[in-house]
């Protein structure tokens, strides 16, 4: 076992030989949107991302399905599975079966298996002082999902501005990042940006400086917090971060502050690499149409997070 549960990494890694290590991960979610095809795509992209974040290549995937067959038409399930299948194929992997059970609420995801060279594994624990941190997708999807459910935002608006980004695979960004001296990586999901920065900070026993002005957010996310929308995870995420040496140096409104704890689904990669390589990678990502941003750096100060 090369990577287990010790550092809260995105997947487990097991050495098979001197040349091949196996990556194992599983993830499933409840529907972020009512459209079943979008649900399948986003959930599959979310699951596959854990293999990419370890520096690996996905090979096979198994469906993990919970579905209320007595209450929803089986055509809904068909569309969910089609979305997942199409995303697995796009990733160059094979969908090889899975398991389905009856449940009161739909849930869908994948168990994904991939490979990586044992000497090229990327974890969330390798950042070094002087590293820059690049984020490859905007933040704020959690509050937007809830805003559609409550009627504060239309689904068409979400579908136009946000869903294509969430369904976008992180493989291209990781492939580009691996050409550099990438020290660490994680993908941004349910713990929000500060929660996942905390994992990076504790992994390398250093302090992360994140520049709030450079954080990218989905259109409408801040407005939805201003309109009173929130998520069920913000409070728990805030409590978790509060216990671990957070220095809020920036002067933020309460709404801007909430966005730092907003849970993501199929979020972007957080890439940690030497500061003198960051600008070049950032240009390449943007040239490829990936809305990446340099959001902060790693320092040699005591472990924690500073929001500047």
Protein backbone atom coordinates (compact mmCIF):
# COMPACT_ATOMS: atom_id res chain seq x y z
CA UNK A 1 0.00 0.00 0.00
CA UNK A 2 1.58 3.26 -1.15
CA UNK A 3 -1.26 5.67 -0.27
CA UNK A 4 -3.91 4.81 2.31
CA UNK A 5 -6.16 6.79 4.63
CA UNK A 6 -3.44 8.58 6.58
CA UNK A 7 -3.47 11.89 4.67
CA UNK A 8 -7.15 12.01 3.57
CA UNK A 9 -6.06 11.66 -0.04
CA UNK A 10 -8.50 11.30 -2.90
CA UNK A 11 -7.83 7.61 -3.61
CA UNK A 12 -5.87 4.57 -2.43
CA UNK A 13 -2.78 3.47 -4.35
CA UNK A 14 -1.39 -0.08 -4.26
CA UNK A 15 1.87 -1.18 -5.91
CA UNK A 16 1.48 -4.08 -8.35
CA UNK A 17 4.99 -4.00 -9.78
CA UNK A 18 7.99 -1.71 -10.18
CA UNK A 19 6.18 -0.07 -13.11
CA UNK A 20 2.50 -0.14 -12.18
CA UNK A 21 0.50 0.98 -9.16
CA UNK A 22 -3.27 0.57 -8.96
CA UNK A 23 -5.55 3.48 -7.96
CA UNK A 24 -8.89 2.67 -6.32
CA UNK A 25 -11.65 5.13 -5.50
CA UNK A 26 -15.42 5.25 -5.10
CA UNK A 27 -17.79 8.20 -4.89
CA UNK A 28 -21.52 8.74 -5.31
CA UNK A 29 -23.82 11.70 -4.81
CA UNK A 30 -27.47 12.67 -4.64
CA UNK A 31 -28.82 14.62 -7.64
CA UNK A 32 -27.48 18.20 -7.71
CA UNK A 33 -30.01 18.92 -10.47
CA UNK A 34 -33.26 17.30 -11.59
CA UNK A 35 -32.04 16.59 -15.13
CA UNK A 36 -30.94 12.92 -15.04
CA UNK A 37 -28.46 13.11 -17.91
CA UNK A 38 -26.62 16.07 -16.37
CA UNK A 39 -26.72 14.24 -13.03
CA UNK A 40 -25.03 11.20 -14.56
CA UNK A 41 -22.34 13.26 -16.28
CA UNK A 42 -21.49 15.40 -13.25
CA UNK A 43 -21.39 12.47 -10.85
CA UNK A 44 -19.18 10.43 -13.16
CA UNK A 45 -16.79 13.34 -13.71
CA UNK A 46 -16.68 13.82 -9.93
CA UNK A 47 -15.77 10.15 -9.35
CA UNK A 48 -13.17 9.95 -12.11
CA UNK A 49 -11.49 13.12 -10.86
CA UNK A 50 -10.06 11.27 -7.86
CA UNK A 51 -7.91 9.16 -10.18
CA UNK A 52 -6.69 12.23 -12.06
CA UNK A 53 -5.82 14.02 -8.81
CA UNK A 54 -3.40 11.20 -7.92
CA UNK A 55 -1.62 11.62 -11.26
CA UNK A 56 -3.23 8.52 -12.71
CA UNK A 57 -5.15 7.30 -15.74
CA UNK A 58 -8.64 5.77 -15.33
CA UNK A 59 -9.06 2.30 -16.81
CA UNK A 60 -12.34 0.80 -15.58
CA UNK A 61 -15.44 2.00 -13.78
CA UNK A 62 -18.36 0.31 -12.04
CA UNK A 63 -21.74 1.96 -11.58
CA UNK A 64 -22.91 2.52 -8.00
CA UNK A 65 -26.67 3.10 -8.12
CA UNK A 66 -29.43 3.62 -5.59
CA UNK A 67 -32.80 4.22 -7.24
CA UNK A 68 -36.46 4.41 -6.11
CA UNK A 69 -37.83 2.12 -8.82
CA UNK A 70 -41.32 2.16 -7.34
CA UNK A 71 -41.57 5.97 -7.52
CA UNK A 72 -39.54 7.07 -10.54
CA UNK A 73 -39.80 5.94 -14.14
CA UNK A 74 -36.99 3.65 -15.25
CA UNK A 75 -36.37 6.06 -18.10
CA UNK A 76 -34.89 8.43 -15.51
CA UNK A 77 -32.40 5.75 -14.48
CA UNK A 78 -31.58 5.11 -18.12
CA UNK A 79 -30.65 8.75 -18.62
CA UNK A 80 -28.54 8.83 -15.44
CA UNK A 81 -26.62 5.77 -16.60
CA UNK A 82 -26.26 7.19 -20.11
CA UNK A 83 -24.71 10.35 -18.70
CA UNK A 84 -22.26 8.33 -16.62
CA UNK A 85 -21.43 6.03 -19.53
CA UNK A 86 -20.75 8.91 -21.90
CA UNK A 87 -18.39 10.54 -19.42
CA UNK A 88 -16.51 7.29 -18.75
CA UNK A 89 -16.05 6.79 -22.50
CA UNK A 90 -14.86 10.39 -22.85
CA UNK A 91 -12.24 9.65 -20.17
CA UNK A 92 -10.96 6.71 -22.23
CA UNK A 93 -12.02 4.16 -19.63
CA UNK A 94 -14.34 1.14 -19.79
CA UNK A 95 -17.65 0.86 -17.94
CA UNK A 96 -17.75 -2.77 -16.82
CA UNK A 97 -20.92 -3.21 -14.76
CA UNK A 98 -21.85 -2.18 -11.25
CA UNK A 99 -24.48 -2.68 -8.58
CA UNK A 100 -27.99 -1.30 -8.10
CA UNK A 101 -30.26 -1.29 -5.06
CA UNK A 102 -33.67 0.18 -4.31
CA UNK A 103 -33.58 3.32 -2.19
CA UNK A 104 -35.89 6.17 -1.31
CA UNK A 105 -33.73 8.78 -3.10
CA UNK A 106 -31.65 8.48 -6.28
CA UNK A 107 -27.91 8.26 -5.77
CA UNK A 108 -25.31 7.62 -8.43
CA UNK A 109 -21.57 7.42 -8.77
CA UNK A 110 -18.70 5.21 -9.81
CA UNK A 111 -16.07 2.93 -8.39
CA UNK A 112 -13.08 3.82 -10.55
CA UNK A 113 -9.84 1.92 -11.02
CA UNK A 114 -6.78 3.45 -12.62
CA UNK A 115 -3.03 3.14 -12.90
CA UNK A 116 -0.01 5.30 -12.18
CA UNK A 117 3.74 4.71 -12.08
CA UNK A 118 4.76 4.09 -8.43
CA UNK A 119 7.37 6.85 -8.66
CA UNK A 120 4.95 9.42 -10.11
CA UNK A 121 2.09 9.38 -7.61
CA UNK A 122 0.76 12.82 -6.73
CA UNK A 123 -0.73 13.20 -3.25
CA UNK A 124 -2.11 16.14 -1.27
CA UNK A 125 0.87 16.06 1.08
CA UNK A 126 3.84 17.13 -1.05
CA UNK A 127 3.61 20.91 -1.25
CA UNK A 128 6.77 22.88 -0.53
CA UNK A 129 7.39 26.47 0.63
CA UNK A 130 7.55 28.68 -2.43
CA UNK A 131 4.91 26.71 -4.31
CA UNK A 132 2.09 28.49 -6.09
CA UNK A 133 -1.44 27.12 -6.00
CA UNK A 134 -3.45 26.94 -9.21
CA UNK A 135 -7.19 26.21 -9.21
CA UNK A 136 -8.71 24.90 -12.47
CA UNK A 137 -12.46 25.53 -11.96
CA UNK A 138 -14.52 28.28 -10.34
CA UNK A 139 -16.19 27.95 -6.93
CA UNK A 140 -19.76 28.41 -5.73
CA UNK A 141 -21.66 25.51 -7.31
CA UNK A 142 -23.18 24.41 -4.00
CA UNK A 143 -25.25 27.55 -3.45
CA UNK A 144 -26.24 27.64 -7.13
CA UNK A 145 -27.72 24.14 -6.96
CA UNK A 146 -29.78 25.11 -3.95
CA UNK A 147 -30.84 28.35 -5.61
CA UNK A 148 -32.35 26.44 -8.52
CA UNK A 149 -34.25 24.19 -6.10
CA UNK A 150 -35.63 27.19 -4.20
CA UNK A 151 -36.55 29.09 -7.37
CA UNK A 152 -34.06 31.94 -6.94
CA UNK A 153 -32.28 30.94 -10.16
CA UNK A 154 -33.55 29.26 -13.33
CA UNK A 155 -32.24 25.89 -14.42
CA UNK A 156 -31.53 27.28 -17.89
CA UNK A 157 -29.19 29.86 -16.37
CA UNK A 158 -27.37 27.15 -14.42
CA UNK A 159 -27.21 24.92 -17.49
CA UNK A 160 -25.66 27.68 -19.56
CA UNK A 161 -23.09 29.05 -17.12
CA UNK A 162 -22.18 26.26 -14.71
CA UNK A 163 -23.12 22.68 -15.61
CA UNK A 164 -20.72 22.33 -18.58
CA UNK A 165 -17.84 23.29 -16.28
CA UNK A 166 -18.91 20.80 -13.61
CA UNK A 167 -19.20 17.98 -16.15
CA UNK A 168 -15.81 18.85 -17.67
CA UNK A 169 -13.21 16.18 -16.93
CA UNK A 170 -10.09 17.18 -14.99
CA UNK A 171 -7.89 14.90 -17.07
CA UNK A 172 -6.69 17.53 -19.53
CA UNK A 173 -5.64 19.91 -16.74
CA UNK A 174 -3.76 17.14 -14.93
CA UNK A 175 -2.04 15.98 -18.10
CA UNK A 176 -0.72 19.49 -18.62
CA UNK A 177 0.30 19.90 -14.98
CA UNK A 178 2.30 16.65 -14.99
CA UNK A 179 4.73 18.21 -17.46
CA UNK A 180 5.89 20.45 -14.59
CA UNK A 181 7.41 19.72 -11.17
CA UNK A 182 4.01 19.11 -9.61
CA UNK A 183 4.41 18.63 -5.87
CA UNK A 184 0.82 18.05 -4.72
CA UNK A 185 -2.77 18.00 -5.89
CA UNK A 186 -6.31 17.51 -4.66
CA UNK A 187 -9.69 18.18 -6.19
CA UNK A 188 -12.10 20.63 -4.59
CA UNK A 189 -15.30 18.95 -3.47
CA UNK A 190 -17.54 18.90 -0.40
CA UNK A 191 -15.26 20.61 2.13
CA UNK A 192 -15.10 23.84 0.11
CA UNK A 193 -11.94 25.68 -0.87
CA UNK A 194 -10.74 26.31 2.70
CA UNK A 195 -11.34 22.72 3.79
CA UNK A 196 -9.25 21.35 0.96
CA UNK A 197 -6.55 23.99 1.42
CA UNK A 198 -6.42 22.79 5.00
CA UNK A 199 -5.63 19.26 3.78
CA UNK A 200 -2.77 20.64 1.70
CA UNK A 201 -1.46 22.69 4.65
CA UNK A 202 -1.49 19.79 7.09
CA UNK A 203 -0.04 17.46 4.49
CA UNK A 204 3.11 19.56 4.16
CA UNK A 205 3.08 21.06 7.69
CA UNK A 206 3.11 24.62 6.33
CA UNK A 207 0.90 27.68 6.01
CA UNK A 208 -1.18 28.42 2.93
CA UNK A 209 -1.75 32.03 1.90
CA UNK A 210 -4.87 32.30 -0.27
CA UNK A 211 -5.65 35.60 -2.00
CA UNK A 212 -9.39 36.16 -1.92
CA UNK A 213 -9.28 38.65 -4.81
CA UNK A 214 -7.87 35.94 -7.08
CA UNK A 215 -10.45 33.25 -6.26
CA UNK A 216 -12.74 32.53 -9.26
CA UNK A 217 -16.48 32.14 -8.63
CA UNK A 218 -19.34 31.03 -10.82
CA UNK A 219 -21.63 33.85 -12.03
CA UNK A 220 -24.44 34.45 -9.59
CA UNK A 221 -22.94 32.60 -6.62
CA UNK A 222 -22.30 35.72 -4.52
CA UNK A 223 -25.72 37.14 -5.42
CA UNK A 224 -27.42 33.96 -4.22
CA UNK A 225 -25.80 34.27 -0.79
CA UNK A 226 -26.93 37.90 -0.72
CA UNK A 227 -30.47 36.69 -1.42
CA UNK A 228 -30.36 34.43 1.63
CA UNK A 229 -29.49 31.12 -0.01
CA UNK A 230 -26.94 28.77 1.57
CA UNK A 231 -26.10 25.06 1.72
CA UNK A 232 -26.36 22.34 4.32
CA UNK A 233 -22.58 21.95 4.45
CA UNK A 234 -21.41 25.53 5.05
CA UNK A 235 -21.83 25.38 8.81
CA UNK A 236 -19.96 22.09 9.19
CA UNK A 237 -17.18 23.21 6.84
CA UNK A 238 -16.77 26.44 8.81
CA UNK A 239 -16.57 24.54 12.12
CA UNK A 240 -13.93 22.19 10.72
CA UNK A 241 -11.70 25.00 9.42
CA UNK A 242 -12.13 27.08 12.58
CA UNK A 243 -10.32 24.41 14.61
CA UNK A 244 -7.15 24.65 12.51
CA UNK A 245 -5.43 28.03 12.73
CA UNK A 246 -7.37 30.15 10.25
CA UNK A 247 -6.20 33.76 9.96
CA UNK A 248 -8.82 35.90 8.24
CA UNK A 249 -6.66 38.86 7.23
CA UNK A 250 -8.92 39.99 4.37
CA UNK A 251 -11.86 42.29 5.03
CA UNK A 252 -14.82 40.36 3.60
CA UNK A 253 -18.57 40.74 3.69
CA UNK A 254 -20.49 37.92 5.35
CA UNK A 255 -21.59 36.77 1.87
CA UNK A 256 -18.04 36.68 0.50
CA UNK A 257 -17.03 34.77 3.61
CA UNK A 258 -19.74 32.15 3.04
CA UNK A 259 -18.36 31.37 -0.42
CA UNK A 260 -15.14 30.12 1.19
CA UNK A 261 -17.11 27.25 2.76
CA UNK A 262 -19.37 26.49 -0.19
CA UNK A 263 -19.26 22.73 -0.98
CA UNK A 264 -18.36 21.81 -4.55
CA UNK A 265 -19.44 18.91 -6.72
CA UNK A 266 -16.98 17.88 -9.43
CA UNK A 267 -14.80 20.88 -8.62
CA UNK A 268 -11.46 21.77 -10.12
CA UNK A 269 -7.98 20.55 -9.32
CA UNK A 270 -5.83 22.43 -6.84
CA UNK A 271 -2.28 22.16 -8.19
CA UNK A 272 0.83 22.92 -6.13
CA UNK A 273 4.04 23.57 -8.08
CA UNK A 274 7.13 25.80 -7.86
CA UNK A 275 6.27 29.48 -8.09
CA UNK A 276 8.63 30.08 -11.00
CA UNK A 277 6.72 27.50 -13.09
CA UNK A 278 3.20 28.65 -12.26
CA UNK A 279 2.79 31.44 -14.81
CA UNK A 280 3.71 29.19 -17.72
CA UNK A 281 1.31 26.44 -16.65
CA UNK A 282 -1.42 29.03 -16.07
CA UNK A 283 -0.99 30.36 -19.61
CA UNK A 284 -1.16 26.87 -21.08
CA UNK A 285 -4.30 26.01 -19.13
CA UNK A 286 -6.03 29.21 -20.21
CA UNK A 287 -4.96 28.71 -23.83
CA UNK A 288 -6.66 25.30 -23.63
CA UNK A 289 -9.90 26.93 -22.46
CA UNK A 290 -9.51 25.92 -18.81
CA UNK A 291 -10.44 28.88 -16.55
CA UNK A 292 -7.53 28.40 -14.16
CA UNK A 293 -6.36 30.94 -11.58
CA UNK A 294 -3.28 31.37 -9.40
CA UNK A 295 -4.93 31.71 -5.98
CA UNK A 296 -2.10 31.60 -3.44
CA UNK A 297 1.18 30.16 -2.24
CA UNK A 298 2.76 27.89 0.34
CA UNK A 299 4.98 29.48 2.99
CA UNK A 300 7.32 28.11 5.65
CA UNK A 301 5.23 29.62 8.44
CA UNK A 302 3.45 27.45 11.06
CA UNK A 303 0.71 25.21 9.66
CA UNK A 304 -2.63 26.86 8.89
CA UNK A 305 -4.40 29.10 6.38
CA UNK A 306 -4.32 32.85 5.90
CA UNK A 307 -6.97 34.50 3.73
CA UNK A 308 -5.36 37.68 2.45
